[in-house]
N, C-alpha and C. Protein backbone atom coordinates (compact mmCIF):
# COMPACT_ATOMS: atom_id res chain seq x y z
N MET A 1 -11.34 -2.59 -5.78
CA MET A 1 -11.16 -3.28 -4.53
C MET A 1 -12.43 -3.09 -3.71
N ALA A 2 -12.93 -4.19 -3.23
CA ALA A 2 -14.18 -4.15 -2.48
C ALA A 2 -13.91 -4.04 -0.97
N TYR A 3 -14.61 -3.14 -0.34
CA TYR A 3 -14.54 -3.00 1.12
C TYR A 3 -15.95 -3.00 1.64
N PRO A 4 -16.23 -3.43 2.81
CA PRO A 4 -15.28 -3.99 3.76
C PRO A 4 -14.98 -5.45 3.44
N ARG A 5 -13.83 -5.87 3.85
CA ARG A 5 -13.45 -7.27 3.65
C ARG A 5 -13.94 -8.09 4.82
N LYS A 6 -13.95 -9.41 4.62
CA LYS A 6 -14.29 -10.30 5.73
C LYS A 6 -13.17 -10.24 6.76
N PRO A 7 -13.49 -10.56 8.01
CA PRO A 7 -12.41 -10.64 9.01
C PRO A 7 -11.36 -11.67 8.56
N PHE A 8 -10.10 -11.36 8.85
CA PHE A 8 -8.99 -12.22 8.45
C PHE A 8 -9.22 -13.67 8.87
N ALA A 9 -9.69 -13.88 10.08
CA ALA A 9 -9.90 -15.24 10.61
C ALA A 9 -10.97 -16.01 9.84
N ASP A 10 -11.86 -15.28 9.15
CA ASP A 10 -12.93 -15.92 8.39
C ASP A 10 -12.58 -16.13 6.92
N MET A 11 -11.40 -15.70 6.50
CA MET A 11 -11.00 -15.81 5.10
C MET A 11 -10.26 -17.12 4.86
N SER A 12 -10.50 -17.70 3.69
CA SER A 12 -9.72 -18.87 3.28
C SER A 12 -8.34 -18.40 2.83
N VAL A 13 -7.43 -19.34 2.67
CA VAL A 13 -6.08 -18.99 2.20
C VAL A 13 -6.17 -18.32 0.83
N ASP A 14 -7.01 -18.84 -0.04
CA ASP A 14 -7.18 -18.23 -1.37
C ASP A 14 -7.71 -16.81 -1.27
N GLU A 15 -8.69 -16.59 -0.40
CA GLU A 15 -9.23 -15.24 -0.22
C GLU A 15 -8.17 -14.27 0.32
N ILE A 16 -7.36 -14.76 1.25
CA ILE A 16 -6.29 -13.93 1.80
C ILE A 16 -5.31 -13.56 0.70
N GLN A 17 -4.91 -14.53 -0.11
CA GLN A 17 -3.96 -14.26 -1.18
C GLN A 17 -4.51 -13.26 -2.19
N VAL A 18 -5.78 -13.39 -2.53
CA VAL A 18 -6.40 -12.43 -3.46
C VAL A 18 -6.43 -11.05 -2.82
N TRP A 19 -6.82 -10.98 -1.56
CA TRP A 19 -6.87 -9.68 -0.87
C TRP A 19 -5.49 -9.04 -0.81
N LEU A 20 -4.48 -9.84 -0.49
CA LEU A 20 -3.11 -9.31 -0.43
C LEU A 20 -2.67 -8.77 -1.78
N LYS A 21 -2.94 -9.52 -2.84
CA LYS A 21 -2.55 -9.09 -4.19
C LYS A 21 -3.26 -7.79 -4.56
N GLN A 22 -4.57 -7.73 -4.36
CA GLN A 22 -5.34 -6.54 -4.71
C GLN A 22 -4.92 -5.34 -3.86
N THR A 23 -4.70 -5.57 -2.59
CA THR A 23 -4.30 -4.48 -1.69
C THR A 23 -2.93 -3.96 -2.07
N ARG A 24 -2.01 -4.85 -2.38
CA ARG A 24 -0.66 -4.44 -2.79
C ARG A 24 -0.74 -3.59 -4.07
N GLU A 25 -1.51 -4.07 -5.05
CA GLU A 25 -1.63 -3.33 -6.31
C GLU A 25 -2.24 -1.94 -6.08
N TYR A 26 -3.27 -1.87 -5.27
CA TYR A 26 -3.91 -0.59 -4.99
C TYR A 26 -2.94 0.35 -4.27
N LEU A 27 -2.23 -0.17 -3.29
CA LEU A 27 -1.29 0.65 -2.54
C LEU A 27 -0.15 1.15 -3.43
N GLN A 28 0.33 0.29 -4.34
CA GLN A 28 1.38 0.72 -5.26
C GLN A 28 0.88 1.84 -6.18
N GLN A 29 -0.35 1.71 -6.67
CA GLN A 29 -0.92 2.76 -7.52
C GLN A 29 -1.08 4.06 -6.75
N LYS A 30 -1.52 3.95 -5.50
CA LYS A 30 -1.67 5.14 -4.65
C LYS A 30 -0.33 5.82 -4.46
N MET A 31 0.70 5.03 -4.20
CA MET A 31 2.03 5.59 -4.01
C MET A 31 2.53 6.28 -5.28
N GLN A 32 2.25 5.68 -6.42
CA GLN A 32 2.67 6.28 -7.69
C GLN A 32 1.97 7.62 -7.92
N ARG A 33 0.68 7.69 -7.60
CA ARG A 33 -0.06 8.96 -7.74
C ARG A 33 0.52 10.02 -6.81
N GLU A 34 0.80 9.64 -5.58
CA GLU A 34 1.35 10.60 -4.62
C GLU A 34 2.74 11.08 -5.03
N GLN A 35 3.57 10.14 -5.52
CA GLN A 35 4.91 10.53 -5.94
C GLN A 35 4.85 11.45 -7.15
N ALA A 36 3.95 11.16 -8.08
CA ALA A 36 3.80 12.02 -9.27
C ALA A 36 3.35 13.42 -8.84
N TYR A 37 2.45 13.49 -7.87
CA TYR A 37 1.99 14.77 -7.34
C TYR A 37 3.16 15.55 -6.73
N LEU A 38 3.94 14.86 -5.89
CA LEU A 38 5.08 15.51 -5.26
C LEU A 38 6.12 15.94 -6.29
N ASP A 39 6.34 15.12 -7.31
CA ASP A 39 7.29 15.47 -8.36
C ASP A 39 6.84 16.71 -9.13
N ARG A 40 5.55 16.78 -9.45
CA ARG A 40 5.02 17.96 -10.16
C ARG A 40 5.20 19.21 -9.31
N ARG A 41 4.87 19.10 -8.04
CA ARG A 41 5.00 20.26 -7.15
C ARG A 41 6.46 20.66 -6.98
N GLY A 42 7.33 19.67 -6.87
CA GLY A 42 8.74 19.96 -6.75
C GLY A 42 9.29 20.65 -7.99
N ALA A 43 8.83 20.22 -9.16
CA ALA A 43 9.28 20.84 -10.41
C ALA A 43 8.82 22.30 -10.49
N GLN A 44 7.75 22.63 -9.81
CA GLN A 44 7.24 24.00 -9.78
C GLN A 44 7.86 24.81 -8.64
N GLY A 45 8.74 24.16 -7.88
CA GLY A 45 9.37 24.84 -6.76
C GLY A 45 8.47 25.01 -5.55
N ILE A 46 7.46 24.15 -5.46
CA ILE A 46 6.50 24.24 -4.36
C ILE A 46 6.79 23.11 -3.37
N ARG A 47 6.86 23.46 -2.11
CA ARG A 47 7.04 22.46 -1.04
C ARG A 47 6.36 23.02 0.20
N THR A 48 5.30 22.36 0.63
CA THR A 48 4.52 22.83 1.78
C THR A 48 4.57 21.77 2.89
N PRO A 49 4.08 22.11 4.08
CA PRO A 49 4.00 21.10 5.14
C PRO A 49 3.16 19.89 4.71
N THR A 50 2.15 20.10 3.91
CA THR A 50 1.33 18.98 3.42
C THR A 50 2.18 18.06 2.54
N ASP A 51 3.04 18.64 1.72
CA ASP A 51 3.93 17.83 0.89
C ASP A 51 4.87 16.99 1.76
N GLU A 52 5.33 17.58 2.86
CA GLU A 52 6.19 16.83 3.78
C GLU A 52 5.45 15.64 4.37
N VAL A 53 4.18 15.84 4.70
CA VAL A 53 3.37 14.75 5.24
C VAL A 53 3.17 13.67 4.18
N TYR A 54 2.90 14.07 2.94
CA TYR A 54 2.77 13.09 1.86
C TYR A 54 4.05 12.28 1.70
N GLN A 55 5.19 12.93 1.83
CA GLN A 55 6.46 12.22 1.72
C GLN A 55 6.60 11.19 2.84
N ARG A 56 6.24 11.57 4.04
CA ARG A 56 6.28 10.61 5.16
C ARG A 56 5.27 9.48 4.96
N ASP A 57 4.10 9.83 4.38
CA ASP A 57 3.12 8.79 4.08
C ASP A 57 3.69 7.76 3.12
N LEU A 58 4.45 8.23 2.12
CA LEU A 58 5.06 7.30 1.17
C LEU A 58 6.01 6.34 1.87
N GLU A 59 6.73 6.83 2.86
CA GLU A 59 7.64 5.96 3.61
C GLU A 59 6.86 4.91 4.40
N LEU A 60 5.77 5.32 5.01
CA LEU A 60 4.92 4.37 5.73
C LEU A 60 4.32 3.35 4.77
N GLU A 61 3.84 3.82 3.63
CA GLU A 61 3.24 2.92 2.65
C GLU A 61 4.26 1.90 2.12
N ALA A 62 5.50 2.32 1.94
CA ALA A 62 6.54 1.38 1.51
C ALA A 62 6.74 0.30 2.57
N ASP A 63 6.69 0.69 3.84
CA ASP A 63 6.81 -0.29 4.91
C ASP A 63 5.61 -1.23 4.92
N LEU A 64 4.42 -0.71 4.67
CA LEU A 64 3.23 -1.54 4.60
C LEU A 64 3.33 -2.54 3.44
N LEU A 65 3.89 -2.11 2.32
CA LEU A 65 4.10 -3.04 1.20
C LEU A 65 5.02 -4.18 1.60
N ARG A 66 6.10 -3.86 2.31
CA ARG A 66 7.01 -4.90 2.77
C ARG A 66 6.28 -5.87 3.72
N PHE A 67 5.43 -5.32 4.58
CA PHE A 67 4.66 -6.16 5.50
C PHE A 67 3.72 -7.07 4.72
N LEU A 68 3.04 -6.54 3.71
CA LEU A 68 2.15 -7.36 2.90
C LEU A 68 2.92 -8.49 2.23
N ASP A 69 4.13 -8.20 1.75
CA ASP A 69 4.96 -9.24 1.15
C ASP A 69 5.29 -10.33 2.17
N GLU A 70 5.68 -9.92 3.38
CA GLU A 70 5.99 -10.90 4.43
C GLU A 70 4.76 -11.72 4.78
N LEU A 71 3.63 -11.06 4.88
CA LEU A 71 2.39 -11.76 5.21
C LEU A 71 2.04 -12.78 4.13
N GLU A 72 2.20 -12.37 2.88
CA GLU A 72 1.90 -13.29 1.78
C GLU A 72 2.84 -14.51 1.81
N GLN A 73 4.10 -14.28 2.11
CA GLN A 73 5.05 -15.41 2.20
C GLN A 73 4.62 -16.38 3.29
N ASN A 74 4.19 -15.83 4.43
CA ASN A 74 3.75 -16.69 5.53
C ASN A 74 2.48 -17.45 5.19
N VAL A 75 1.55 -16.78 4.52
CA VAL A 75 0.29 -17.44 4.14
C VAL A 75 0.60 -18.54 3.11
N SER A 76 1.46 -18.23 2.16
CA SER A 76 1.80 -19.21 1.12
C SER A 76 2.50 -20.44 1.68
N SER A 77 3.28 -20.24 2.75
CA SER A 77 4.00 -21.37 3.34
C SER A 77 3.18 -22.09 4.39
N GLY A 78 1.95 -21.60 4.62
CA GLY A 78 1.06 -22.28 5.54
C GLY A 78 1.21 -21.91 6.99
N LEU A 79 1.91 -20.83 7.28
CA LEU A 79 2.11 -20.42 8.68
C LEU A 79 0.92 -19.62 9.18
């Protein structure tokens, strides 16, 4: 994934759709890595305040994925 991206207002619909797809895929992979980390630590009986923050991050990231889905639907329908 290339950063920085162009400003949203300067992107074509195709560019927005590509960015949304790539961002969603990257975010999903990040979430999978974090969940695997938390699962490994949990299996070892380890739970720290940092782990709690990672768990809350996963909840925020899930919400961001839902937002990306909504945004993509709006872009696809021309809104």
